[in-house]
Amino acid sequence: IKEGEAKSIQLPCNLKSIKEQMLANQYLGVVSIP
């Protein structure tokens, strides 16, 4: 989560970036939720 938070603060807030990041988190299973 700490690593993910650092990444999400850098994330451009547009649909494309959000979608890409959520898809990239998918492999983490329920840990993708936080």
PDB file of all heavy atoms in Angstrom:
ATOM      1  N   ILE A   1       0.833  -1.209   0.000  1.00  0.00           N
ATOM      2  CA  ILE A   1       0.000   0.000   0.000  1.00  0.00           C
ATOM      3  C   ILE A   1       0.868   1.260   0.000  1.00  0.00           C
ATOM      4  O   ILE A   1       0.593   2.210  -0.730  1.00  0.00           O
ATOM      5  CB  ILE A   1      -0.985   0.004   1.190  1.00  0.00           C
ATOM      6  CG1 ILE A   1      -2.077  -1.061   0.974  1.00  0.00           C
ATOM      7  CG2 ILE A   1      -1.638   1.374   1.366  1.00  0.00           C
ATOM      8  CD1 ILE A   1      -2.982  -1.275   2.159  1.00  0.00           C
ATOM      9  N   LYS A   2       1.931   1.239   0.815  1.00  0.00           N
ATOM     10  CA  LYS A   2       2.843   2.390   0.869  1.00  0.00           C
ATOM     11  C   LYS A   2       3.418   2.695  -0.512  1.00  0.00           C
ATOM     12  O   LYS A   2       3.439   3.837  -0.971  1.00  0.00           O
ATOM     13  CB  LYS A   2       3.961   2.122   1.871  1.00  0.00           C
ATOM     14  CG  LYS A   2       4.139   3.268   2.839  1.00  0.00           C
ATOM     15  CD  LYS A   2       5.131   2.949   3.929  1.00  0.00           C
ATOM     16  CE  LYS A   2       4.483   3.102   5.295  1.00  0.00           C
ATOM     17  NZ  LYS A   2       5.108   2.323   6.331  1.00  0.00           N
ATOM     18  N   GLU A   3       3.865   1.629  -1.186  1.00  0.00           N
ATOM     19  CA  GLU A   3       4.423   1.791  -2.541  1.00  0.00           C
ATOM     20  C   GLU A   3       3.342   2.288  -3.506  1.00  0.00           C
ATOM     21  O   GLU A   3       3.577   3.150  -4.345  1.00  0.00           O
ATOM     22  CB  GLU A   3       5.000   0.475  -3.050  1.00  0.00           C
ATOM     23  CG  GLU A   3       6.298   0.074  -2.374  1.00  0.00           C
ATOM     24  CD  GLU A   3       6.781  -1.303  -2.808  1.00  0.00           C
ATOM     25  OE1 GLU A   3       6.217  -1.870  -3.772  1.00  0.00           O
ATOM     26  OE2 GLU A   3       7.727  -1.813  -2.183  1.00  0.00           O
ATOM     27  N   GLY A   4       2.151   1.701  -3.368  1.00  0.00           N
ATOM     28  CA  GLY A   4       1.026   2.061  -4.239  1.00  0.00           C
ATOM     29  C   GLY A   4       0.589   3.495  -4.040  1.00  0.00           C
ATOM     30  O   GLY A   4       0.227   4.199  -4.988  1.00  0.00           O
ATOM     31  N   GLU A   5       0.656   3.964  -2.788  1.00  0.00           N
ATOM     32  CA  GLU A   5       0.248   5.340  -2.479  1.00  0.00           C
ATOM     33  C   GLU A   5       1.195   6.328  -3.172  1.00  0.00           C
ATOM     34  O   GLU A   5       0.750   7.311  -3.774  1.00  0.00           O
ATOM     35  CB  GLU A   5       0.265   5.577  -0.971  1.00  0.00           C
ATOM     36  CG  GLU A   5      -0.376   6.877  -0.590  1.00  0.00           C
ATOM     37  CD  GLU A   5      -0.836   6.911   0.871  1.00  0.00           C
ATOM     38  OE1 GLU A   5      -0.274   6.171   1.702  1.00  0.00           O
ATOM     39  OE2 GLU A   5      -1.766   7.667   1.151  1.00  0.00           O
ATOM     40  N   ALA A   6       2.477   6.030  -3.109  1.00  0.00           N
ATOM     41  CA  ALA A   6       3.471   6.891  -3.768  1.00  0.00           C
ATOM     42  C   ALA A   6       3.176   6.974  -5.269  1.00  0.00           C
ATOM     43  O   ALA A   6       3.275   8.038  -5.889  1.00  0.00           O
ATOM     44  CB  ALA A   6       4.872   6.341  -3.530  1.00  0.00           C
ATOM     45  N   LYS A   7       2.773   5.826  -5.836  1.00  0.00           N
ATOM     46  CA  LYS A   7       2.453   5.770  -7.269  1.00  0.00           C
ATOM     47  C   LYS A   7       1.173   6.557  -7.573  1.00  0.00           C
ATOM     48  O   LYS A   7       1.104   7.293  -8.556  1.00  0.00           O
ATOM     49  CB  LYS A   7       2.244   4.305  -7.687  1.00  0.00           C
ATOM     50  CG  LYS A   7       3.207   3.839  -8.776  1.00  0.00           C
ATOM     51  CD  LYS A   7       2.796   2.456  -9.247  1.00  0.00           C
ATOM     52  CE  LYS A   7       3.977   1.499  -9.171  1.00  0.00           C
ATOM     53  NZ  LYS A   7       3.592   0.107  -9.371  1.00  0.00           N
ATOM     54  N   SER A   8       0.167   6.366  -6.740  1.00  0.00           N
ATOM     55  CA  SER A   8      -1.135   6.981  -7.044  1.00  0.00           C
ATOM     56  C   SER A   8      -1.087   8.500  -6.936  1.00  0.00           C
ATOM     57  O   SER A   8      -1.827   9.203  -7.612  1.00  0.00           O
ATOM     58  CB  SER A   8      -2.247   6.396  -6.171  1.00  0.00           C
ATOM     59  OG  SER A   8      -2.083   6.779  -4.835  1.00  0.00           O
ATOM     60  N   ILE A   9      -0.192   9.035  -6.085  1.00  0.00           N
ATOM     61  CA  ILE A   9      -0.063  10.493  -5.966  1.00  0.00           C
ATOM     62  C   ILE A   9       0.483  11.087  -7.276  1.00  0.00           C
ATOM     63  O   ILE A   9       0.142  12.196  -7.667  1.00  0.00           O
ATOM     64  CB  ILE A   9       0.819  10.868  -4.742  1.00  0.00           C
ATOM     65  CG1 ILE A   9       0.045  10.554  -3.459  1.00  0.00           C
ATOM     66  CG2 ILE A   9       1.217  12.335  -4.767  1.00  0.00           C
ATOM     67  CD1 ILE A   9       0.876  10.525  -2.207  1.00  0.00           C
ATOM     68  N   GLN A  10       1.311  10.292  -7.970  1.00  0.00           N
ATOM     69  CA  GLN A  10       1.887  10.725  -9.253  1.00  0.00           C
ATOM     70  C   GLN A  10       0.914  10.535 -10.427  1.00  0.00           C
ATOM     71  O   GLN A  10       1.138  11.047 -11.514  1.00  0.00           O
ATOM     72  CB  GLN A  10       3.148   9.884  -9.587  1.00  0.00           C
ATOM     73  CG  GLN A  10       4.191   9.818  -8.486  1.00  0.00           C
ATOM     74  CD  GLN A  10       4.854  11.153  -8.252  1.00  0.00           C
ATOM     75  OE1 GLN A  10       5.191  11.859  -9.198  1.00  0.00           O
ATOM     76  NE2 GLN A  10       4.990  11.546  -6.991  1.00  0.00           N
ATOM     77  N   LEU A  11      -0.139   9.789 -10.177  1.00  0.00           N
ATOM     78  CA  LEU A  11      -1.023   9.374 -11.276  1.00  0.00           C
ATOM     79  C   LEU A  11      -1.774  10.562 -11.890  1.00  0.00           C
ATOM     80  O   LEU A  11      -2.410  11.335 -11.174  1.00  0.00           O
ATOM     81  CB  LEU A  11      -2.039   8.349 -10.751  1.00  0.00           C
ATOM     82  CG  LEU A  11      -2.864   7.581 -11.780  1.00  0.00           C
ATOM     83  CD1 LEU A  11      -2.011   6.553 -12.516  1.00  0.00           C
ATOM     84  CD2 LEU A  11      -4.029   6.870 -11.086  1.00  0.00           C
ATOM     85  N   PRO A  12      -1.717  10.719 -13.232  1.00  0.00           N
ATOM     86  CA  PRO A  12      -2.547  11.758 -13.854  1.00  0.00           C
ATOM     87  C   PRO A  12      -4.021  11.335 -13.739  1.00  0.00           C
ATOM     88  O   PRO A  12      -4.361  10.189 -14.020  1.00  0.00           O
ATOM     89  CB  PRO A  12      -2.100  11.758 -15.329  1.00  0.00           C
ATOM     90  CG  PRO A  12      -0.971  10.787 -15.426  1.00  0.00           C
ATOM     91  CD  PRO A  12      -0.991   9.920 -14.214  1.00  0.00           C
ATOM     92  N   CYS A  13      -4.863  12.252 -13.286  1.00  0.00           N
ATOM     93  CA  CYS A  13      -6.261  11.877 -13.035  1.00  0.00           C
ATOM     94  C   CYS A  13      -7.081  11.946 -14.315  1.00  0.00           C
ATOM     95  O   CYS A  13      -7.885  12.861 -14.511  1.00  0.00           O
ATOM     96  CB  CYS A  13      -6.850  12.752 -11.945  1.00  0.00           C
ATOM     97  SG  CYS A  13      -6.161  12.345 -10.346  1.00  0.00           S
ATOM     98  N   ASN A  14      -6.860  10.998 -15.191  1.00  0.00           N
ATOM     99  CA  ASN A  14      -7.727  10.861 -16.364  1.00  0.00           C
ATOM    100  C   ASN A  14      -8.122   9.399 -16.491  1.00  0.00           C
ATOM    101  O   ASN A  14      -7.467   8.516 -15.928  1.00  0.00           O
ATOM    102  CB  ASN A  14      -7.037  11.372 -17.633  1.00  0.00           C
ATOM    103  CG  ASN A  14      -5.755  10.609 -17.934  1.00  0.00           C
ATOM    104  OD1 ASN A  14      -5.758   9.395 -18.087  1.00  0.00           O
ATOM    105  ND2 ASN A  14      -4.649  11.327 -18.013  1.00  0.00           N
ATOM    106  N   LEU A  15      -9.196   9.168 -17.214  1.00  0.00           N
ATOM    107  CA  LEU A  15      -9.773   7.828 -17.310  1.00  0.00           C
ATOM    108  C   LEU A  15      -8.761   6.779 -17.768  1.00  0.00           C
ATOM    109  O   LEU A  15      -8.669   5.693 -17.190  1.00  0.00           O
ATOM    110  CB  LEU A  15     -10.982   7.859 -18.258  1.00  0.00           C
ATOM    111  CG  LEU A  15     -11.839   6.594 -18.290  1.00  0.00           C
ATOM    112  CD1 LEU A  15     -12.409   6.280 -16.919  1.00  0.00           C
ATOM    113  CD2 LEU A  15     -12.964   6.752 -19.311  1.00  0.00           C
ATOM    114  N   LYS A  16      -7.964   7.124 -18.767  1.00  0.00           N
ATOM    115  CA  LYS A  16      -6.998   6.184 -19.337  1.00  0.00           C
ATOM    116  C   LYS A  16      -5.979   5.727 -18.276  1.00  0.00           C
ATOM    117  O   LYS A  16      -5.744   4.538 -18.083  1.00  0.00           O
ATOM    118  CB  LYS A  16      -6.290   6.840 -20.530  1.00  0.00           C
ATOM    119  CG  LYS A  16      -5.376   5.902 -21.312  1.00  0.00           C
ATOM    120  CD  LYS A  16      -4.869   6.606 -22.576  1.00  0.00           C
ATOM    121  CE  LYS A  16      -3.920   5.710 -23.370  1.00  0.00           C
ATOM    122  NZ  LYS A  16      -2.586   5.615 -22.757  1.00  0.00           N
ATOM    123  N   SER A  17      -5.407   6.691 -17.553  1.00  0.00           N
ATOM    124  CA  SER A  17      -4.391   6.368 -16.531  1.00  0.00           C
ATOM    125  C   SER A  17      -4.996   5.560 -15.382  1.00  0.00           C
ATOM    126  O   SER A  17      -4.383   4.609 -14.898  1.00  0.00           O
ATOM    127  CB  SER A  17      -3.778   7.646 -15.966  1.00  0.00           C
ATOM    128  OG  SER A  17      -3.267   8.430 -17.001  1.00  0.00           O
ATOM    129  N   ILE A  18      -6.182   5.971 -14.957  1.00  0.00           N
ATOM    130  CA  ILE A  18      -6.837   5.264 -13.847  1.00  0.00           C
ATOM    131  C   ILE A  18      -7.111   3.813 -14.240  1.00  0.00           C
ATOM    132  O   ILE A  18      -6.832   2.885 -13.477  1.00  0.00           O
ATOM    133  CB  ILE A  18      -8.153   5.985 -13.439  1.00  0.00           C
ATOM    134  CG1 ILE A  18      -7.828   7.356 -12.846  1.00  0.00           C
ATOM    135  CG2 ILE A  18      -8.961   5.150 -12.454  1.00  0.00           C
ATOM    136  CD1 ILE A  18      -9.039   8.268 -12.653  1.00  0.00           C
ATOM    137  N   LYS A  19      -7.629   3.641 -15.450  1.00  0.00           N
ATOM    138  CA  LYS A  19      -7.952   2.294 -15.940  1.00  0.00           C
ATOM    139  C   LYS A  19      -6.690   1.427 -16.009  1.00  0.00           C
ATOM    140  O   LYS A  19      -6.689   0.284 -15.536  1.00  0.00           O
ATOM    141  CB  LYS A  19      -8.599   2.412 -17.331  1.00  0.00           C
ATOM    142  CG  LYS A  19      -9.226   1.125 -17.824  1.00  0.00           C
ATOM    143  CD  LYS A  19      -9.971   1.360 -19.131  1.00  0.00           C
ATOM    144  CE  LYS A  19     -10.671   0.089 -19.568  1.00  0.00           C
ATOM    145  NZ  LYS A  19     -11.492   0.297 -20.759  1.00  0.00           N
ATOM    146  N   GLU A  20      -5.628   1.993 -16.573  1.00  0.00           N
ATOM    147  CA  GLU A  20      -4.362   1.253 -16.695  1.00  0.00           C
ATOM    148  C   GLU A  20      -3.833   0.833 -15.329  1.00  0.00           C
ATOM    149  O   GLU A  20      -3.393  -0.298 -15.143  1.00  0.00           O
ATOM    150  CB  GLU A  20      -3.309   2.102 -17.424  1.00  0.00           C
ATOM    151  CG  GLU A  20      -3.473   2.072 -18.932  1.00  0.00           C
ATOM    152  CD  GLU A  20      -2.573   3.087 -19.650  1.00  0.00           C
ATOM    153  OE1 GLU A  20      -1.718   3.724 -18.978  1.00  0.00           O
ATOM    154  OE2 GLU A  20      -2.745   3.249 -20.881  1.00  0.00           O
ATOM    155  N   GLN A  21      -3.896   1.755 -14.357  1.00  0.00           N
ATOM    156  CA  GLN A  21      -3.361   1.455 -13.025  1.00  0.00           C
ATOM    157  C   GLN A  21      -4.213   0.397 -12.313  1.00  0.00           C
ATOM    158  O   GLN A  21      -3.681  -0.505 -11.670  1.00  0.00           O
ATOM    159  CB  GLN A  21      -3.266   2.727 -12.186  1.00  0.00           C
ATOM    160  CG  GLN A  21      -2.428   2.580 -10.917  1.00  0.00           C
ATOM    161  CD  GLN A  21      -1.055   1.969 -11.166  1.00  0.00           C
ATOM    162  OE1 GLN A  21      -0.269   2.489 -11.942  1.00  0.00           O
ATOM    163  NE2 GLN A  21      -0.762   0.842 -10.540  1.00  0.00           N
ATOM    164  N   MET A  22      -5.538   0.503 -12.441  1.00  0.00           N
ATOM    165  CA  MET A  22      -6.404  -0.494 -11.797  1.00  0.00           C
ATOM    166  C   MET A  22      -6.190  -1.876 -12.417  1.00  0.00           C
ATOM    167  O   MET A  22      -6.184  -2.887 -11.709  1.00  0.00           O
ATOM    168  CB  MET A  22      -7.876  -0.076 -11.894  1.00  0.00           C
ATOM    169  CG  MET A  22      -8.250   1.005 -10.903  1.00  0.00           C
ATOM    170  SD  MET A  22     -10.050   1.205 -10.796  1.00  0.00           S
ATOM    171  CE  MET A  22     -10.177   2.556  -9.637  1.00  0.00           C
ATOM    172  N   LEU A  23      -6.019  -1.922 -13.732  1.00  0.00           N
ATOM    173  CA  LEU A  23      -5.739  -3.199 -14.401  1.00  0.00           C
ATOM    174  C   LEU A  23      -4.391  -3.761 -13.948  1.00  0.00           C
ATOM    175  O   LEU A  23      -4.252  -4.956 -13.726  1.00  0.00           O
ATOM    176  CB  LEU A  23      -5.747  -3.029 -15.926  1.00  0.00           C
ATOM    177  CG  LEU A  23      -7.128  -2.987 -16.580  1.00  0.00           C
ATOM    178  CD1 LEU A  23      -7.018  -2.596 -18.051  1.00  0.00           C
ATOM    179  CD2 LEU A  23      -7.847  -4.343 -16.466  1.00  0.00           C
ATOM    180  N   ALA A  24      -3.411  -2.867 -13.781  1.00  0.00           N
ATOM    181  CA  ALA A  24      -2.085  -3.291 -13.331  1.00  0.00           C
ATOM    182  C   ALA A  24      -2.138  -3.847 -11.901  1.00  0.00           C
ATOM    183  O   ALA A  24      -1.345  -4.719 -11.536  1.00  0.00           O
ATOM    184  CB  ALA A  24      -1.110  -2.122 -13.396  1.00  0.00           C
ATOM    185  N   ASN A  25      -3.091  -3.364 -11.103  1.00  0.00           N
ATOM    186  CA  ASN A  25      -3.220  -3.839  -9.712  1.00  0.00           C
ATOM    187  C   ASN A  25      -3.926  -5.186  -9.606  1.00  0.00           C
ATOM    188  O   ASN A  25      -3.877  -5.835  -8.552  1.00  0.00           O
ATOM    189  CB  ASN A  25      -3.996  -2.811  -8.873  1.00  0.00           C
ATOM    190  CG  ASN A  25      -3.228  -1.528  -8.660  1.00  0.00           C
ATOM    191  OD1 ASN A  25      -2.005  -1.506  -8.794  1.00  0.00           O
ATOM    192  ND2 ASN A  25      -3.936  -0.448  -8.336  1.00  0.00           N
ATOM    193  N   GLN A  26      -4.593  -5.580 -10.678  1.00  0.00           N
ATOM    194  CA  GLN A  26      -5.479  -6.753 -10.623  1.00  0.00           C
ATOM    195  C   GLN A  26      -4.803  -8.029 -10.103  1.00  0.00           C
ATOM    196  O   GLN A  26      -5.412  -8.806  -9.379  1.00  0.00           O
ATOM    197  CB  GLN A  26      -6.069  -7.027 -12.003  1.00  0.00           C
ATOM    198  CG  GLN A  26      -7.588  -6.967 -11.986  1.00  0.00           C
ATOM    199  CD  GLN A  26      -8.165  -7.097 -13.386  1.00  0.00           C
ATOM    200  OE1 GLN A  26      -7.635  -7.824 -14.216  1.00  0.00           O
ATOM    201  NE2 GLN A  26      -9.238  -6.396 -13.658  1.00  0.00           N
ATOM    202  N   TYR A  27      -3.528  -8.222 -10.481  1.00  0.00           N
ATOM    203  CA  TYR A  27      -2.836  -9.469 -10.123  1.00  0.00           C
ATOM    204  C   TYR A  27      -2.688  -9.633  -8.609  1.00  0.00           C
ATOM    205  O   TYR A  27      -2.414 -10.717  -8.106  1.00  0.00           O
ATOM    206  CB  TYR A  27      -1.463  -9.533 -10.816  1.00  0.00           C
ATOM    207  CG  TYR A  27      -0.383  -8.738 -10.119  1.00  0.00           C
ATOM    208  CD1 TYR A  27       0.576  -9.356  -9.315  1.00  0.00           C
ATOM    209  CD2 TYR A  27      -0.331  -7.356 -10.254  1.00  0.00           C
ATOM    210  CE1 TYR A  27       1.546  -8.619  -8.673  1.00  0.00           C
ATOM    211  CE2 TYR A  27       0.637  -6.611  -9.618  1.00  0.00           C
ATOM    212  CZ  TYR A  27       1.584  -7.244  -8.821  1.00  0.00           C
ATOM    213  OH  TYR A  27       2.545  -6.513  -8.184  1.00  0.00           O
ATOM    214  N   LEU A  28      -2.878  -8.551  -7.865  1.00  0.00           N
ATOM    215  CA  LEU A  28      -2.721  -8.603  -6.405  1.00  0.00           C
ATOM    216  C   LEU A  28      -3.966  -9.120  -5.690  1.00  0.00           C
ATOM    217  O   LEU A  28      -3.997  -9.198  -4.475  1.00  0.00           O
ATOM    218  CB  LEU A  28      -2.376  -7.208  -5.879  1.00  0.00           C
ATOM    219  CG  LEU A  28      -0.951  -6.731  -6.179  1.00  0.00           C
ATOM    220  CD1 LEU A  28      -0.846  -5.225  -6.039  1.00  0.00           C
ATOM    221  CD2 LEU A  28       0.058  -7.427  -5.272  1.00  0.00           C
ATOM    222  N   GLY A  29      -4.993  -9.463  -6.453  1.00  0.00           N
ATOM    223  CA  GLY A  29      -6.208 -10.006  -5.831  1.00  0.00           C
ATOM    224  C   GLY A  29      -6.853  -8.986  -4.905  1.00  0.00           C
ATOM    225  O   GLY A  29      -6.943  -7.800  -5.242  1.00  0.00           O
ATOM    226  N   VAL A  30      -7.266  -9.408  -3.702  1.00  0.00           N
ATOM    227  CA  VAL A  30      -7.983  -8.484  -2.794  1.00  0.00           C
ATOM    228  C   VAL A  30      -7.084  -7.338  -2.314  1.00  0.00           C
ATOM    229  O   VAL A  30      -7.585  -6.299  -1.878  1.00  0.00           O
ATOM    230  CB  VAL A  30      -8.626  -9.208  -1.581  1.00  0.00           C
ATOM    231  CG1 VAL A  30      -9.772 -10.106  -2.025  1.00  0.00           C
ATOM    232  CG2 VAL A  30      -7.609  -9.969  -0.767  1.00  0.00           C
ATOM    233  N   VAL A  31      -5.766  -7.517  -2.415  1.00  0.00           N
ATOM    234  CA  VAL A  31      -4.854  -6.429  -2.023  1.00  0.00           C
ATOM    235  C   VAL A  31      -4.949  -5.262  -3.021  1.00  0.00           C
ATOM    236  O   VAL A  31      -4.559  -4.139  -2.726  1.00  0.00           O
ATOM    237  CB  VAL A  31      -3.401  -6.955  -1.883  1.00  0.00           C
ATOM    238  CG1 VAL A  31      -2.459  -5.853  -1.424  1.00  0.00           C
ATOM    239  CG2 VAL A  31      -3.353  -8.122  -0.892  1.00  0.00           C
ATOM    240  N   SER A  32      -5.513  -5.530  -4.199  1.00  0.00           N
ATOM    241  CA  SER A  32      -5.729  -4.429  -5.157  1.00  0.00           C
ATOM    242  C   SER A  32      -6.787  -3.453  -4.640  1.00  0.00           C
ATOM    243  O   SER A  32      -6.810  -2.289  -5.043  1.00  0.00           O
ATOM    244  CB  SER A  32      -6.170  -4.982  -6.519  1.00  0.00           C
ATOM    245  OG  SER A  32      -7.478  -5.550  -6.430  1.00  0.00           O
ATOM    246  N   ILE A  33      -7.645  -3.901  -3.738  1.00  0.00           N
ATOM    247  CA  ILE A  33      -8.746  -3.045  -3.259  1.00  0.00           C
ATOM    248  C   ILE A  33      -8.218  -1.782  -2.559  1.00  0.00           C
ATOM    249  O   ILE A  33      -8.585  -0.668  -2.943  1.00  0.00           O
ATOM    250  CB  ILE A  33      -9.744  -3.841  -2.375  1.00  0.00           C
ATOM    251  CG1 ILE A  33     -10.422  -4.947  -3.203  1.00  0.00           C
ATOM    252  CG2 ILE A  33     -10.803  -2.907  -1.766  1.00  0.00           C
ATOM    253  CD1 ILE A  33     -11.196  -5.972  -2.388  1.00  0.00           C
ATOM    254  N   PRO A  34      -7.333  -1.917  -1.530  1.00  0.00           N
ATOM    255  CA  PRO A  34      -6.838  -0.685  -0.908  1.00  0.00           C
ATOM    256  C   PRO A  34      -5.999   0.177  -1.858  1.00  0.00           C
ATOM    257  O   PRO A  34      -5.965   1.405  -1.713  1.00  0.00           O
ATOM    258  CB  PRO A  34      -5.989  -1.183   0.279  1.00  0.00           C
ATOM    259  CG  PRO A  34      -5.770  -2.631   0.054  1.00  0.00           C
ATOM    260  CD  PRO A  34      -6.893  -3.116  -0.799  1.00  0.00           C
TER     261      PRO A  34
END
